Amino acid sequence: MKLLHYAILILCVFTISCKTSKKGSYAPKGDSRLMDTYWRLSEMNGKPVTNPADAPEVHIRLTEKKRRITGFAGCNRITGTFELGKQGVIAFKAGSTMMYCEGRMDIENHLMQTLTNANRHVINDRHLLLYNDNRLLAVFEAQYFGTPVGLK
């Protein structure tokens, strides 16, 4: 009987240790993927972006299908398309709804200007950097949710 208890205990420990420890903690090894990643705006004009606790995060998501961009700019939803070229070339054609939100329009305006002016992107580990030539416009951080494929 004691042997059965030890076997069950070892099986439980093994099963728990094979799963991710926290939801949202998974990140791929190496560089993040540009497509189908939730990119949270983390820096603009060289300063960190903070998000009010009661507001959705400012983010973008690029999808391979039809080369779509969607997201949230701080007050309004973003939608549009993008094109990719060689060596990190990127061009966005994006718009947003037209509501006004007190205290959030500076971030929104900067993000929309970034999408208009960005012509190059670099992925560095978990960060997406958007540039206009060699001038850094914005930094996004990859956010992952749930369990990675193969660890279900």
Protein backbone atom coordinates (compact mmCIF):
# COMPACT_ATOMS: atom_id res chain seq x y z
CA MET A 1 0.00 0.00 0.00
CA LYS A 2 2.85 2.36 0.90
CA LEU A 3 4.44 1.69 -2.49
CA LEU A 4 1.19 2.70 -4.22
CA HIS A 5 1.11 6.02 -2.29
CA TYR A 6 4.71 6.78 -3.31
CA ALA A 7 3.95 5.94 -6.94
CA ILE A 8 0.93 8.28 -6.94
CA LEU A 9 2.95 11.05 -5.27
CA ILE A 10 5.78 10.73 -7.82
CA LEU A 11 3.27 10.72 -10.69
CA CYS A 12 1.60 13.90 -9.34
CA VAL A 13 4.92 15.72 -8.90
CA PHE A 14 6.05 14.70 -12.38
CA THR A 15 2.75 15.82 -13.95
CA ILE A 16 2.82 19.21 -12.21
CA SER A 17 6.46 19.87 -13.05
CA CYS A 18 5.86 19.26 -16.77
CA LYS A 19 3.33 22.10 -16.98
CA THR A 20 4.11 25.81 -17.10
CA SER A 21 4.28 27.35 -13.65
CA LYS A 22 2.10 30.41 -14.29
CA LYS A 23 -0.42 31.29 -16.94
CA GLY A 24 1.09 33.88 -19.23
CA SER A 25 4.68 33.02 -18.35
CA TYR A 26 5.52 31.17 -21.55
CA ALA A 27 7.82 32.84 -24.05
CA PRO A 28 9.53 31.13 -26.97
CA LYS A 29 13.28 30.68 -26.92
CA GLY A 30 15.06 33.20 -29.12
CA ASP A 31 13.30 35.94 -31.01
CA SER A 32 9.53 36.34 -30.85
CA ARG A 33 7.46 35.96 -33.99
CA LEU A 34 6.22 39.10 -35.71
CA MET A 35 2.90 37.51 -36.69
CA ASP A 36 0.15 36.49 -34.31
CA THR A 37 1.88 37.92 -31.26
CA TYR A 38 0.24 40.34 -28.84
CA TRP A 39 2.66 43.32 -28.89
CA ARG A 40 2.14 45.62 -25.87
CA LEU A 41 3.47 49.18 -26.29
CA SER A 42 6.19 49.51 -23.66
CA GLU A 43 8.15 52.60 -24.71
CA MET A 44 7.65 55.74 -26.78
CA ASN A 45 9.98 58.71 -27.18
CA GLY A 46 12.48 56.85 -25.00
CA LYS A 47 10.09 56.78 -22.02
CA PRO A 48 8.20 53.82 -20.54
CA VAL A 49 4.48 53.65 -21.25
CA THR A 50 2.29 53.04 -18.22
CA ASN A 51 -1.25 51.88 -18.49
CA PRO A 52 -4.06 52.88 -16.12
CA ALA A 53 -5.28 49.89 -14.12
CA ASP A 54 -8.85 50.30 -15.41
CA ALA A 55 -7.96 50.64 -19.13
CA PRO A 56 -7.06 48.09 -21.80
CA GLU A 57 -3.36 47.90 -22.74
CA VAL A 58 -2.10 49.77 -25.77
CA HIS A 59 -1.14 47.02 -28.20
CA ILE A 60 -1.00 45.82 -31.77
CA ARG A 61 -1.31 42.41 -33.36
CA LEU A 62 -0.23 41.54 -36.89
CA THR A 63 -1.81 38.58 -38.64
CA GLU A 64 -0.44 36.76 -41.66
CA LYS A 65 -3.86 36.27 -43.23
CA LYS A 66 -4.56 39.30 -45.43
CA ARG A 67 -1.67 41.09 -43.66
CA ARG A 68 -3.98 42.70 -41.10
CA ILE A 69 -3.10 44.91 -38.12
CA THR A 70 -5.50 45.22 -35.20
CA GLY A 71 -5.08 46.65 -31.75
CA PHE A 72 -5.91 49.32 -29.22
CA ALA A 73 -4.30 52.78 -29.26
CA GLY A 74 -5.26 54.00 -25.78
CA CYS A 75 -8.75 55.21 -26.58
CA ASN A 76 -9.70 53.80 -29.97
CA ARG A 77 -9.42 50.48 -31.77
CA ILE A 78 -6.86 50.18 -34.58
CA THR A 79 -7.46 48.34 -37.83
CA GLY A 80 -5.70 48.24 -41.16
CA THR A 81 -3.13 46.45 -43.27
CA PHE A 82 0.64 46.25 -43.54
CA GLU A 83 3.26 45.22 -46.06
CA LEU A 84 6.58 43.52 -45.43
CA GLY A 85 9.70 43.83 -47.53
CA LYS A 86 13.22 42.50 -47.36
CA GLN A 87 15.57 43.22 -44.45
CA GLY A 88 12.89 44.33 -42.00
CA VAL A 89 11.09 46.82 -44.25
CA ILE A 90 7.52 47.39 -43.06
CA ALA A 91 4.72 49.78 -44.05
CA PHE A 92 1.40 50.24 -42.26
CA LYS A 93 -1.92 51.55 -43.55
CA ALA A 94 -3.92 51.86 -40.37
CA GLY A 95 -6.76 53.91 -38.99
CA SER A 96 -8.79 54.05 -35.82
CA THR A 97 -12.21 54.95 -34.51
CA MET A 98 -12.55 58.64 -33.61
CA MET A 99 -13.48 58.91 -29.92
CA TYR A 100 -11.75 61.37 -27.59
CA CYS A 101 -10.45 60.14 -24.23
CA GLU A 102 -9.11 62.60 -21.67
CA GLY A 103 -5.50 61.89 -20.74
CA ARG A 104 -4.89 59.13 -23.32
CA MET A 105 -4.70 61.03 -26.59
CA ASP A 106 -0.93 61.67 -26.37
CA ILE A 107 -0.19 57.95 -26.43
CA GLU A 108 -2.79 57.32 -29.13
CA ASN A 109 -1.51 60.13 -31.35
CA HIS A 110 2.08 58.93 -30.94
CA LEU A 111 1.16 55.36 -31.81
CA MET A 112 -0.77 56.40 -34.92
CA GLN A 113 2.15 58.64 -36.00
CA THR A 114 4.50 55.71 -35.38
CA LEU A 115 2.43 53.46 -37.63
CA THR A 116 2.34 56.16 -40.31
CA ASN A 117 6.09 56.86 -40.18
CA ALA A 118 7.55 53.40 -39.48
CA ASN A 119 9.48 51.95 -42.39
CA ARG A 120 11.60 49.33 -40.63
CA HIS A 121 11.22 46.84 -37.83
CA VAL A 122 13.60 44.75 -35.74
CA ILE A 123 12.72 41.91 -33.39
CA ASN A 124 15.14 41.57 -30.52
CA ASP A 125 14.19 38.66 -28.28
CA ARG A 126 10.76 39.67 -26.84
CA HIS A 127 10.82 43.23 -28.25
CA LEU A 128 9.51 44.67 -31.49
CA LEU A 129 11.26 47.93 -32.37
CA LEU A 130 9.71 50.21 -34.99
CA TYR A 131 11.99 52.69 -36.73
CA ASN A 132 11.85 55.47 -39.26
CA ASP A 133 15.17 54.80 -40.97
CA ASN A 134 17.55 54.80 -37.95
CA ARG A 135 15.31 56.75 -35.54
CA LEU A 136 13.60 54.56 -32.94
CA LEU A 137 9.90 55.40 -32.78
CA ALA A 138 8.44 52.81 -30.39
CA VAL A 139 9.20 49.60 -28.52
CA PHE A 140 6.65 46.83 -28.03
CA GLU A 141 6.97 43.81 -25.76
CA ALA A 142 5.60 40.37 -26.68
CA GLN A 143 2.98 39.07 -24.28
CA TYR A 144 2.10 35.38 -24.18
CA PHE A 145 -0.94 33.75 -22.66
CA GLY A 146 -1.73 30.13 -21.92
CA THR A 147 0.22 26.97 -22.54
CA PRO A 148 2.61 26.64 -25.49
CA VAL A 149 1.96 24.08 -28.21
CA GLY A 150 3.29 20.68 -27.21
CA LEU A 151 2.91 21.21 -23.43
CA LYS A 152 -0.84 20.67 -23.18
